[in-house]
Amino acid sequence: MTSRAPRRSIRARRARSAAMVALTVVAALLATLPLVLILGLLLKQGASSLNWAFFTAMPKPVGETGGGMANALAGTLMLIAIASAIGLPVGIGAGMYLAEHRGGRLASVVRFLSDVLNGLPSIVVGIFAWQFLVRPVKHFSALAGGIALAAMMIPLVARATEEMIRLVPNSLREAALALGYPRWRTSLTVVLRTALPGIVTGALVAVARIAGETAPLLFTAFGNQFWSTSLTQPISALPLQIFSYAISPYEEWHSLAWAGALVLLALVLVISLIARYVTRSRFGHGHD
């Protein structure tokens, strides 16, 4: 009797362990299922419309077949460049301040407001940008769209920079200060360089986040059916073009919208893969 009880207990524990492992496997599969379904649907609906003309041709007028989204692709890259040029320096600088003055009252306030801004709906950011960047000049522009996207990047980059800088050992700071480096130079040449791979990863994640945003651009960049690279004029973007084509009554435009969504998803996946590679090269360097 005494030997059977421990055996039953061991079998029960093994059964519970196997059940929990099975539940976690199911949860992991369910977590990836939406992406797999979305990717499969986009491949089914949009792959047939992907060709060289899609990337090089301008949109065709209603009633004409063919055409592409060259202006939208160029506009997306331009908006990302504007947002990165504004958001990355501000976000990295804010993150350095938060990490180096983590106990200060101002740092606590900035950290809290960054978290609030990070959770703010993108349409609210778009309305805010329209009120202060579009309404005063009375026209939409690529610059307004880039600034709106930059406002969404800043809290993401700031928090990622703060966390990466916190991982830098204090011994590196102390060694640099002992050698006579001023505090600002220590932060820039020692701490920032050490945390740079992680900061790059956070920046790429922020870029992937803003690449598919539509709501802020509806209130700022607005869209443009023609080729435009002017900062002061409305500009097209993939999310805007997809939205415009998806709500149209034309089947040809619907197919292009599916293809545009597939390209946008591929862009986000590529940026995510680059971020993953940077992370692996950073933390796997010691094993090479």
C-alpha atoms as a PDB file:
ATOM      1  CA  MET A   1       0.000   0.000   0.000  1.00  0.00           C
ATOM      2  CA  THR A   2       2.798   2.376   0.858  1.00  0.00           C
ATOM      3  CA  SER A   3       4.544   1.869  -2.498  1.00  0.00           C
ATOM      4  CA  ARG A   4       1.393   2.343  -4.578  1.00  0.00           C
ATOM      5  CA  ALA A   5       0.632   5.774  -3.133  1.00  0.00           C
ATOM      6  CA  PRO A   6       3.930   7.377  -4.248  1.00  0.00           C
ATOM      7  CA  ARG A   7       3.533   5.811  -7.715  1.00  0.00           C
ATOM      8  CA  ARG A   8       0.048   7.269  -8.038  1.00  0.00           C
ATOM      9  CA  SER A   9       1.364  10.643  -6.895  1.00  0.00           C
ATOM     10  CA  ILE A  10       4.171  10.550  -9.467  1.00  0.00           C
ATOM     11  CA  ARG A  11       1.737   9.581 -12.244  1.00  0.00           C
ATOM     12  CA  ALA A  12      -0.623  12.369 -11.221  1.00  0.00           C
ATOM     13  CA  ARG A  13       2.179  14.927 -11.254  1.00  0.00           C
ATOM     14  CA  ARG A  14       3.347  13.725 -14.650  1.00  0.00           C
ATOM     15  CA  ALA A  15      -0.194  13.910 -15.995  1.00  0.00           C
ATOM     16  CA  ARG A  16      -0.614  17.478 -14.694  1.00  0.00           C
ATOM     17  CA  SER A  17       2.768  18.446 -16.157  1.00  0.00           C
ATOM     18  CA  ALA A  18       1.863  16.974 -19.547  1.00  0.00           C
ATOM     19  CA  ALA A  19      -1.503  18.758 -19.475  1.00  0.00           C
ATOM     20  CA  MET A  20       0.128  22.122 -18.707  1.00  0.00           C
ATOM     21  CA  VAL A  21       2.722  21.624 -21.444  1.00  0.00           C
ATOM     22  CA  ALA A  22      -0.079  20.825 -23.884  1.00  0.00           C
ATOM     23  CA  LEU A  23      -1.970  23.973 -22.818  1.00  0.00           C
ATOM     24  CA  THR A  24       1.103  26.152 -23.339  1.00  0.00           C
ATOM     25  CA  VAL A  25       1.664  24.611 -26.788  1.00  0.00           C
ATOM     26  CA  VAL A  26      -1.953  25.325 -27.713  1.00  0.00           C
ATOM     27  CA  ALA A  27      -1.592  28.895 -26.419  1.00  0.00           C
ATOM     28  CA  ALA A  28       1.576  29.389 -28.492  1.00  0.00           C
ATOM     29  CA  LEU A  29      -0.167  28.086 -31.618  1.00  0.00           C
ATOM     30  CA  LEU A  30      -3.174  30.327 -31.013  1.00  0.00           C
ATOM     31  CA  ALA A  31      -0.859  33.324 -30.556  1.00  0.00           C
ATOM     32  CA  THR A  32       0.655  32.800 -34.014  1.00  0.00           C
ATOM     33  CA  LEU A  33      -2.547  31.681 -35.727  1.00  0.00           C
ATOM     34  CA  PRO A  34      -3.845  35.206 -36.540  1.00  0.00           C
ATOM     35  CA  LEU A  35      -0.606  36.129 -38.318  1.00  0.00           C
ATOM     36  CA  VAL A  36      -0.612  32.864 -40.273  1.00  0.00           C
ATOM     37  CA  LEU A  37      -4.245  33.358 -41.313  1.00  0.00           C
ATOM     38  CA  ILE A  38      -3.648  36.981 -42.297  1.00  0.00           C
ATOM     39  CA  LEU A  39      -0.556  36.079 -44.304  1.00  0.00           C
ATOM     40  CA  GLY A  40      -2.382  33.229 -46.027  1.00  0.00           C
ATOM     41  CA  LEU A  41      -5.339  35.445 -46.926  1.00  0.00           C
ATOM     42  CA  LEU A  42      -3.074  38.196 -48.277  1.00  0.00           C
ATOM     43  CA  LEU A  43      -1.127  35.702 -50.374  1.00  0.00           C
ATOM     44  CA  LYS A  44      -4.351  34.269 -51.765  1.00  0.00           C
ATOM     45  CA  GLN A  45      -5.966  37.611 -52.564  1.00  0.00           C
ATOM     46  CA  GLY A  46      -2.995  39.820 -53.409  1.00  0.00           C
ATOM     47  CA  ALA A  47      -0.155  37.705 -54.785  1.00  0.00           C
ATOM     48  CA  SER A  48      -1.698  37.619 -58.263  1.00  0.00           C
ATOM     49  CA  SER A  49      -1.571  41.432 -58.488  1.00  0.00           C
ATOM     50  CA  LEU A  50       2.102  41.659 -57.578  1.00  0.00           C
ATOM     51  CA  ASN A  51       4.268  42.343 -60.606  1.00  0.00           C
ATOM     52  CA  TRP A  52       6.943  44.750 -61.697  1.00  0.00           C
ATOM     53  CA  ALA A  53       4.358  47.368 -62.654  1.00  0.00           C
ATOM     54  CA  PHE A  54       2.982  47.352 -59.100  1.00  0.00           C
ATOM     55  CA  PHE A  55       6.301  48.717 -57.829  1.00  0.00           C
ATOM     56  CA  THR A  56       7.140  51.040 -60.728  1.00  0.00           C
ATOM     57  CA  ALA A  57       3.849  52.282 -62.229  1.00  0.00           C
ATOM     58  CA  MET A  58       1.545  55.030 -61.065  1.00  0.00           C
ATOM     59  CA  PRO A  59      -2.134  54.392 -60.241  1.00  0.00           C
ATOM     60  CA  LYS A  60      -4.379  54.185 -63.274  1.00  0.00           C
ATOM     61  CA  PRO A  61      -7.630  56.162 -63.601  1.00  0.00           C
ATOM     62  CA  VAL A  62     -10.948  54.458 -62.973  1.00  0.00           C
ATOM     63  CA  GLY A  63     -11.853  52.101 -65.806  1.00  0.00           C
ATOM     64  CA  GLU A  64      -8.271  51.379 -66.883  1.00  0.00           C
ATOM     65  CA  THR A  65      -6.630  48.107 -65.934  1.00  0.00           C
ATOM     66  CA  GLY A  66      -3.157  47.749 -64.517  1.00  0.00           C
ATOM     67  CA  GLY A  67      -1.284  50.423 -62.671  1.00  0.00           C
ATOM     68  CA  GLY A  68       0.669  50.221 -59.462  1.00  0.00           C
ATOM     69  CA  MET A  69       1.544  51.973 -56.232  1.00  0.00           C
ATOM     70  CA  ALA A  70       4.952  53.470 -56.959  1.00  0.00           C
ATOM     71  CA  ASN A  71       3.920  56.814 -55.482  1.00  0.00           C
ATOM     72  CA  ALA A  72       2.592  55.133 -52.343  1.00  0.00           C
ATOM     73  CA  LEU A  73       5.778  53.111 -51.858  1.00  0.00           C
ATOM     74  CA  ALA A  74       7.950  56.192 -52.266  1.00  0.00           C
ATOM     75  CA  GLY A  75       5.656  58.165 -49.953  1.00  0.00           C
ATOM     76  CA  THR A  76       5.831  55.496 -47.249  1.00  0.00           C
ATOM     77  CA  LEU A  77       9.626  55.477 -47.345  1.00  0.00           C
ATOM     78  CA  MET A  78       9.706  59.270 -47.263  1.00  0.00           C
ATOM     79  CA  LEU A  79       7.350  59.477 -44.280  1.00  0.00           C
ATOM     80  CA  ILE A  80       9.375  56.860 -42.404  1.00  0.00           C
ATOM     81  CA  ALA A  81      12.549  58.853 -43.128  1.00  0.00           C
ATOM     82  CA  ILE A  82      10.995  62.076 -41.823  1.00  0.00           C
ATOM     83  CA  ALA A  83       9.639  60.373 -38.724  1.00  0.00           C
ATOM     84  CA  SER A  84      12.974  58.681 -38.030  1.00  0.00           C
ATOM     85  CA  ALA A  85      14.947  61.903 -38.515  1.00  0.00           C
ATOM     86  CA  ILE A  86      12.773  63.588 -35.874  1.00  0.00           C
ATOM     87  CA  GLY A  87      11.779  60.757 -33.570  1.00  0.00           C
ATOM     88  CA  LEU A  88      15.035  58.836 -33.182  1.00  0.00           C
ATOM     89  CA  PRO A  89      17.250  61.676 -31.852  1.00  0.00           C
ATOM     90  CA  VAL A  90      14.530  62.896 -29.505  1.00  0.00           C
ATOM     91  CA  GLY A  91      13.650  59.393 -28.320  1.00  0.00           C
ATOM     92  CA  ILE A  92      17.260  58.331 -27.777  1.00  0.00           C
ATOM     93  CA  GLY A  93      18.054  61.567 -25.955  1.00  0.00           C
ATOM     94  CA  ALA A  94      14.991  61.196 -23.740  1.00  0.00           C
ATOM     95  CA  GLY A  95      15.871  57.579 -23.022  1.00  0.00           C
ATOM     96  CA  MET A  96      19.414  58.536 -22.006  1.00  0.00           C
ATOM     97  CA  TYR A  97      18.068  61.147 -19.629  1.00  0.00           C
ATOM     98  CA  LEU A  98      15.594  58.695 -18.099  1.00  0.00           C
ATOM     99  CA  ALA A  99      18.333  56.115 -17.571  1.00  0.00           C
ATOM    100  CA  GLU A 100      20.944  58.506 -16.169  1.00  0.00           C
ATOM    101  CA  HIS A 101      18.483  60.350 -13.897  1.00  0.00           C
ATOM    102  CA  ARG A 102      16.164  57.486 -13.053  1.00  0.00           C
ATOM    103  CA  GLY A 103      15.481  58.691  -9.513  1.00  0.00           C
ATOM    104  CA  GLY A 104      14.681  62.299 -10.370  1.00  0.00           C
ATOM    105  CA  ARG A 105      11.213  63.792 -10.222  1.00  0.00           C
ATOM    106  CA  LEU A 106      11.350  65.079 -13.801  1.00  0.00           C
ATOM    107  CA  ALA A 107      12.457  61.647 -15.033  1.00  0.00           C
ATOM    108  CA  SER A 108       9.516  60.012 -13.269  1.00  0.00           C
ATOM    109  CA  VAL A 109       7.084  62.477 -14.857  1.00  0.00           C
ATOM    110  CA  VAL A 110       8.606  62.031 -18.324  1.00  0.00           C
ATOM    111  CA  ARG A 111       8.540  58.234 -17.953  1.00  0.00           C
ATOM    112  CA  PHE A 112       4.868  58.277 -16.950  1.00  0.00           C
ATOM    113  CA  LEU A 113       3.893  60.628 -19.780  1.00  0.00           C
ATOM    114  CA  SER A 114       5.841  58.493 -22.267  1.00  0.00           C
ATOM    115  CA  ASP A 115       3.871  55.430 -21.207  1.00  0.00           C
ATOM    116  CA  VAL A 116       0.621  57.382 -21.589  1.00  0.00           C
ATOM    117  CA  LEU A 117       1.629  58.632 -25.040  1.00  0.00           C
ATOM    118  CA  ASN A 118       2.632  55.126 -26.034  1.00  0.00           C
ATOM    119  CA  GLY A 119      -0.883  53.900 -25.259  1.00  0.00           C
ATOM    120  CA  LEU A 120      -2.632  56.837 -26.919  1.00  0.00           C
ATOM    121  CA  PRO A 121      -4.844  55.851 -29.886  1.00  0.00           C
ATOM    122  CA  SER A 122      -3.219  56.797 -33.166  1.00  0.00           C
ATOM    123  CA  ILE A 123      -6.301  58.678 -34.345  1.00  0.00           C
ATOM    124  CA  VAL A 124      -5.933  61.040 -31.373  1.00  0.00           C
ATOM    125  CA  VAL A 125      -2.360  61.736 -32.447  1.00  0.00           C
ATOM    126  CA  GLY A 126      -3.673  62.445 -35.952  1.00  0.00           C
ATOM    127  CA  ILE A 127      -6.289  64.903 -34.717  1.00  0.00           C
ATOM    128  CA  PHE A 128      -3.694  66.648 -32.551  1.00  0.00           C
ATOM    129  CA  ALA A 129      -1.302  66.947 -35.504  1.00  0.00           C
ATOM    130  CA  TRP A 130      -4.120  68.251 -37.725  1.00  0.00           C
ATOM    131  CA  GLN A 131      -4.996  70.920 -35.173  1.00  0.00           C
ATOM    132  CA  PHE A 132      -1.470  72.274 -34.790  1.00  0.00           C
ATOM    133  CA  LEU A 133       0.265  71.405 -38.067  1.00  0.00           C
ATOM    134  CA  VAL A 134      -2.406  71.333 -40.789  1.00  0.00           C
ATOM    135  CA  ARG A 135      -5.106  73.755 -39.726  1.00  0.00           C
ATOM    136  CA  PRO A 136      -2.825  76.801 -39.222  1.00  0.00           C
ATOM    137  CA  VAL A 137      -1.311  76.494 -42.729  1.00  0.00           C
ATOM    138  CA  LYS A 138      -4.617  75.330 -44.255  1.00  0.00           C
ATOM    139  CA  HIS A 139      -3.204  72.405 -46.257  1.00  0.00           C
ATOM    140  CA  PHE A 140      -2.011  68.847 -45.724  1.00  0.00           C
ATOM    141  CA  SER A 141       1.661  67.974 -46.082  1.00  0.00           C
ATOM    142  CA  ALA A 142       4.200  65.179 -45.897  1.00  0.00           C
ATOM    143  CA  LEU A 143       5.997  67.037 -43.109  1.00  0.00           C
ATOM    144  CA  ALA A 144       2.868  67.016 -40.939  1.00  0.00           C
ATOM    145  CA  GLY A 145       2.489  63.275 -41.523  1.00  0.00           C
ATOM    146  CA  GLY A 146       6.118  62.634 -40.634  1.00  0.00           C
ATOM    147  CA  ILE A 147       5.848  64.654 -37.418  1.00  0.00           C
ATOM    148  CA  ALA A 148       2.686  62.770 -36.411  1.00  0.00           C
ATOM    149  CA  LEU A 149       4.457  59.447 -36.933  1.00  0.00           C
ATOM    150  CA  ALA A 150       7.509  60.755 -35.063  1.00  0.00           C
ATOM    151  CA  ALA A 151       5.300  61.545 -32.073  1.00  0.00           C
ATOM    152  CA  MET A 152       4.323  57.872 -32.010  1.00  0.00           C
ATOM    153  CA  MET A 153       7.950  56.754 -32.314  1.00  0.00           C
ATOM    154  CA  ILE A 154       9.385  58.859 -29.506  1.00  0.00           C
ATOM    155  CA  PRO A 155       7.932  57.006 -26.484  1.00  0.00           C
ATOM    156  CA  LEU A 156       8.813  53.603 -27.947  1.00  0.00           C
ATOM    157  CA  VAL A 157      12.413  54.603 -28.657  1.00  0.00           C
ATOM    158  CA  ALA A 158      12.763  56.404 -25.330  1.00  0.00           C
ATOM    159  CA  ARG A 159      11.652  53.426 -23.254  1.00  0.00           C
ATOM    160  CA  ALA A 160      13.756  50.978 -25.298  1.00  0.00           C
ATOM    161  CA  THR A 161      16.813  53.227 -24.942  1.00  0.00           C
ATOM    162  CA  GLU A 162      16.270  53.551 -21.210  1.00  0.00           C
ATOM    163  CA  GLU A 163      16.058  49.785 -20.715  1.00  0.00           C
ATOM    164  CA  MET A 164      19.148  49.119 -22.844  1.00  0.00           C
ATOM    165  CA  ILE A 165      21.233  51.748 -21.043  1.00  0.00           C
ATOM    166  CA  ARG A 166      20.201  50.321 -17.691  1.00  0.00           C
ATOM    167  CA  LEU A 167      21.745  47.011 -18.744  1.00  0.00           C
ATOM    168  CA  VAL A 168      25.176  48.647 -19.169  1.00  0.00           C
ATOM    169  CA  PRO A 169      27.353  47.751 -16.135  1.00  0.00           C
ATOM    170  CA  ASN A 170      28.127  50.634 -13.791  1.00  0.00           C
ATOM    171  CA  SER A 171      31.765  49.567 -13.831  1.00  0.00           C
ATOM    172  CA  LEU A 172      32.093  50.945 -17.372  1.00  0.00           C
ATOM    173  CA  ARG A 173      30.818  54.333 -16.249  1.00  0.00           C
ATOM    174  CA  GLU A 174      33.102  54.339 -13.221  1.00  0.00           C
ATOM    175  CA  ALA A 175      36.128  53.375 -15.320  1.00  0.00           C
ATOM    176  CA  ALA A 176      35.496  56.182 -17.802  1.00  0.00           C
ATOM    177  CA  LEU A 177      34.955  58.748 -15.036  1.00  0.00           C
ATOM    178  CA  ALA A 178      38.121  57.560 -13.290  1.00  0.00           C
ATOM    179  CA  LEU A 179      40.064  58.212 -16.502  1.00  0.00           C
ATOM    180  CA  GLY A 180      38.903  61.833 -16.424  1.00  0.00           C
ATOM    181  CA  TYR A 181      36.019  61.617 -18.910  1.00  0.00           C
ATOM    182  CA  PRO A 182      33.269  64.160 -18.200  1.00  0.00           C
ATOM    183  CA  ARG A 183      29.832  62.736 -17.507  1.00  0.00           C
ATOM    184  CA  TRP A 184      28.359  63.793 -20.861  1.00  0.00           C
ATOM    185  CA  ARG A 185      31.227  62.227 -22.785  1.00  0.00           C
ATOM    186  CA  THR A 186      30.943  59.038 -20.750  1.00  0.00           C
ATOM    187  CA  SER A 187      27.264  58.785 -21.641  1.00  0.00           C
ATOM    188  CA  LEU A 188      27.851  59.350 -25.350  1.00  0.00           C
ATOM    189  CA  THR A 189      31.086  57.470 -26.056  1.00  0.00           C
ATOM    190  CA  VAL A 190      30.927  54.637 -23.534  1.00  0.00           C
ATOM    191  CA  VAL A 191      27.382  53.974 -22.367  1.00  0.00           C
ATOM    192  CA  LEU A 192      25.582  54.762 -25.623  1.00  0.00           C
ATOM    193  CA  ARG A 193      28.048  52.764 -27.755  1.00  0.00           C
ATOM    194  CA  THR A 194      27.715  49.753 -25.474  1.00  0.00           C
ATOM    195  CA  ALA A 195      23.911  49.841 -25.602  1.00  0.00           C
ATOM    196  CA  LEU A 196      23.761  50.722 -29.321  1.00  0.00           C
ATOM    197  CA  PRO A 197      22.699  47.270 -30.668  1.00  0.00           C
ATOM    198  CA  GLY A 198      19.735  47.162 -28.294  1.00  0.00           C
ATOM    199  CA  ILE A 199      18.824  50.745 -29.134  1.00  0.00           C
ATOM    200  CA  VAL A 200      18.924  49.925 -32.850  1.00  0.00           C
ATOM    201  CA  THR A 201      16.569  47.017 -32.190  1.00  0.00           C
ATOM    202  CA  GLY A 202      14.131  49.304 -30.360  1.00  0.00           C
ATOM    203  CA  ALA A 203      14.338  51.840 -33.193  1.00  0.00           C
ATOM    204  CA  LEU A 204      13.556  49.180 -35.799  1.00  0.00           C
ATOM    205  CA  VAL A 205      10.569  47.990 -33.769  1.00  0.00           C
ATOM    206  CA  ALA A 206       9.325  51.594 -33.627  1.00  0.00           C
ATOM    207  CA  VAL A 207       9.752  51.934 -37.400  1.00  0.00           C
ATOM    208  CA  ALA A 208       7.785  48.726 -37.921  1.00  0.00           C
ATOM    209  CA  ARG A 209       5.057  50.117 -35.670  1.00  0.00           C
ATOM    210  CA  ILE A 210       4.577  53.352 -37.610  1.00  0.00           C
ATOM    211  CA  ALA A 211       5.001  51.829 -41.086  1.00  0.00           C
ATOM    212  CA  GLY A 212       1.407  50.622 -41.169  1.00  0.00           C
ATOM    213  CA  GLU A 213      -0.320  53.486 -39.369  1.00  0.00           C
ATOM    214  CA  THR A 214      -3.217  54.982 -41.274  1.00  0.00           C
ATOM    215  CA  ALA A 215      -5.235  57.202 -38.928  1.00  0.00           C
ATOM    216  CA  PRO A 216      -2.568  59.882 -38.345  1.00  0.00           C
ATOM    217  CA  LEU A 217      -1.927  60.146 -42.087  1.00  0.00           C
ATOM    218  CA  LEU A 218      -5.609  60.676 -42.870  1.00  0.00           C
ATOM    219  CA  PHE A 219      -5.421  63.936 -40.914  1.00  0.00           C
ATOM    220  CA  THR A 220      -1.964  65.054 -42.037  1.00  0.00           C
ATOM    221  CA  ALA A 221      -0.527  63.604 -45.276  1.00  0.00           C
ATOM    222  CA  PHE A 222      -4.048  62.999 -46.681  1.00  0.00           C
ATOM    223  CA  GLY A 223      -2.859  61.094 -49.768  1.00  0.00           C
ATOM    224  CA  ASN A 224      -2.005  62.004 -53.332  1.00  0.00           C
ATOM    225  CA  GLN A 225      -2.773  60.226 -56.619  1.00  0.00           C
ATOM    226  CA  PHE A 226       0.246  61.816 -58.280  1.00  0.00           C
ATOM    227  CA  TRP A 227       3.980  61.533 -57.728  1.00  0.00           C
ATOM    228  CA  SER A 228       5.119  63.963 -55.056  1.00  0.00           C
ATOM    229  CA  THR A 229       8.258  64.296 -52.947  1.00  0.00           C
ATOM    230  CA  SER A 230       7.545  67.776 -51.612  1.00  0.00           C
ATOM    231  CA  LEU A 231       7.520  68.184 -47.829  1.00  0.00           C
ATOM    232  CA  THR A 232       4.849  70.869 -48.037  1.00  0.00           C
ATOM    233  CA  GLN A 233       2.375  69.000 -50.252  1.00  0.00           C
ATOM    234  CA  PRO A 234       0.049  66.029 -49.609  1.00  0.00           C
ATOM    235  CA  ILE A 235       1.757  62.718 -50.177  1.00  0.00           C
ATOM    236  CA  SER A 236       0.591  59.187 -50.771  1.00  0.00           C
ATOM    237  CA  ALA A 237       1.456  56.221 -48.557  1.00  0.00           C
ATOM    238  CA  LEU A 238       0.734  52.512 -48.665  1.00  0.00           C
ATOM    239  CA  PRO A 239      -1.749  52.544 -45.751  1.00  0.00           C
ATOM    240  CA  LEU A 240      -3.651  55.456 -47.296  1.00  0.00           C
ATOM    241  CA  GLN A 241      -3.690  53.871 -50.761  1.00  0.00           C
ATOM    242  CA  ILE A 242      -4.875  50.557 -49.332  1.00  0.00           C
ATOM    243  CA  PHE A 243      -7.660  52.295 -47.435  1.00  0.00           C
ATOM    244  CA  SER A 244      -8.745  54.280 -50.477  1.00  0.00           C
ATOM    245  CA  TYR A 245      -8.762  51.250 -52.775  1.00  0.00           C
ATOM    246  CA  ALA A 246     -10.406  48.940 -50.238  1.00  0.00           C
ATOM    247  CA  ILE A 247     -13.481  51.160 -49.800  1.00  0.00           C
ATOM    248  CA  SER A 248     -13.873  51.732 -53.562  1.00  0.00           C
ATOM    249  CA  PRO A 249     -16.474  49.809 -55.610  1.00  0.00           C
ATOM    250  CA  TYR A 250     -13.955  48.633 -58.232  1.00  0.00           C
ATOM    251  CA  GLU A 251     -12.665  45.057 -58.251  1.00  0.00           C
ATOM    252  CA  GLU A 252      -9.374  46.060 -59.879  1.00  0.00           C
ATOM    253  CA  TRP A 253      -8.668  48.433 -57.011  1.00  0.00           C
ATOM    254  CA  HIS A 254      -9.649  45.773 -54.483  1.00  0.00           C
ATOM    255  CA  SER A 255      -6.987  43.451 -55.927  1.00  0.00           C
ATOM    256  CA  LEU A 256      -4.395  46.221 -55.708  1.00  0.00           C
ATOM    257  CA  ALA A 257      -5.434  46.897 -52.123  1.00  0.00           C
ATOM    258  CA  TRP A 258      -4.787  43.245 -51.226  1.00  0.00           C
ATOM    259  CA  ALA A 259      -1.405  43.418 -52.959  1.00  0.00           C
ATOM    260  CA  GLY A 260      -0.540  46.626 -51.125  1.00  0.00           C
ATOM    261  CA  ALA A 261      -1.469  45.030 -47.806  1.00  0.00           C
ATOM    262  CA  LEU A 262       0.779  42.078 -48.630  1.00  0.00           C
ATOM    263  CA  VAL A 263       3.706  44.391 -49.420  1.00  0.00           C
ATOM    264  CA  LEU A 264       3.099  46.359 -46.224  1.00  0.00           C
ATOM    265  CA  LEU A 265       3.072  43.177 -44.157  1.00  0.00           C
ATOM    266  CA  ALA A 266       6.257  42.025 -45.894  1.00  0.00           C
ATOM    267  CA  LEU A 267       7.887  45.368 -45.049  1.00  0.00           C
ATOM    268  CA  VAL A 268       6.985  44.985 -41.372  1.00  0.00           C
ATOM    269  CA  LEU A 269       8.230  41.379 -41.365  1.00  0.00           C
ATOM    270  CA  VAL A 270      11.548  42.379 -42.924  1.00  0.00           C
ATOM    271  CA  ILE A 271      12.069  45.140 -40.345  1.00  0.00           C
ATOM    272  CA  SER A 272      11.196  42.702 -37.559  1.00  0.00           C
ATOM    273  CA  LEU A 273      13.658  40.126 -38.914  1.00  0.00           C
ATOM    274  CA  ILE A 274      16.392  42.770 -39.047  1.00  0.00           C
ATOM    275  CA  ALA A 275      15.631  43.702 -35.433  1.00  0.00           C
ATOM    276  CA  ARG A 276      15.816  40.046 -34.451  1.00  0.00           C
ATOM    277  CA  TYR A 277      19.146  39.642 -36.249  1.00  0.00           C
ATOM    278  CA  VAL A 278      20.580  42.689 -34.479  1.00  0.00           C
ATOM    279  CA  THR A 279      19.427  41.283 -31.135  1.00  0.00           C
ATOM    280  CA  ARG A 280      20.968  37.875 -31.818  1.00  0.00           C
ATOM    281  CA  SER A 281      24.258  39.372 -32.985  1.00  0.00           C
ATOM    282  CA  ARG A 282      24.352  41.509 -29.842  1.00  0.00           C
ATOM    283  CA  PHE A 283      23.660  38.789 -27.276  1.00  0.00           C
ATOM    284  CA  GLY A 284      25.167  35.891 -29.195  1.00  0.00           C
ATOM    285  CA  HIS A 285      28.506  37.553 -29.832  1.00  0.00           C
ATOM    286  CA  GLY A 286      30.090  35.995 -26.810  1.00  0.00           C
ATOM    287  CA  HIS A 287      29.413  32.465 -28.072  1.00  0.00           C
ATOM    288  CA  ASP A 288      31.154  32.909 -31.427  1.00  0.00           C
END
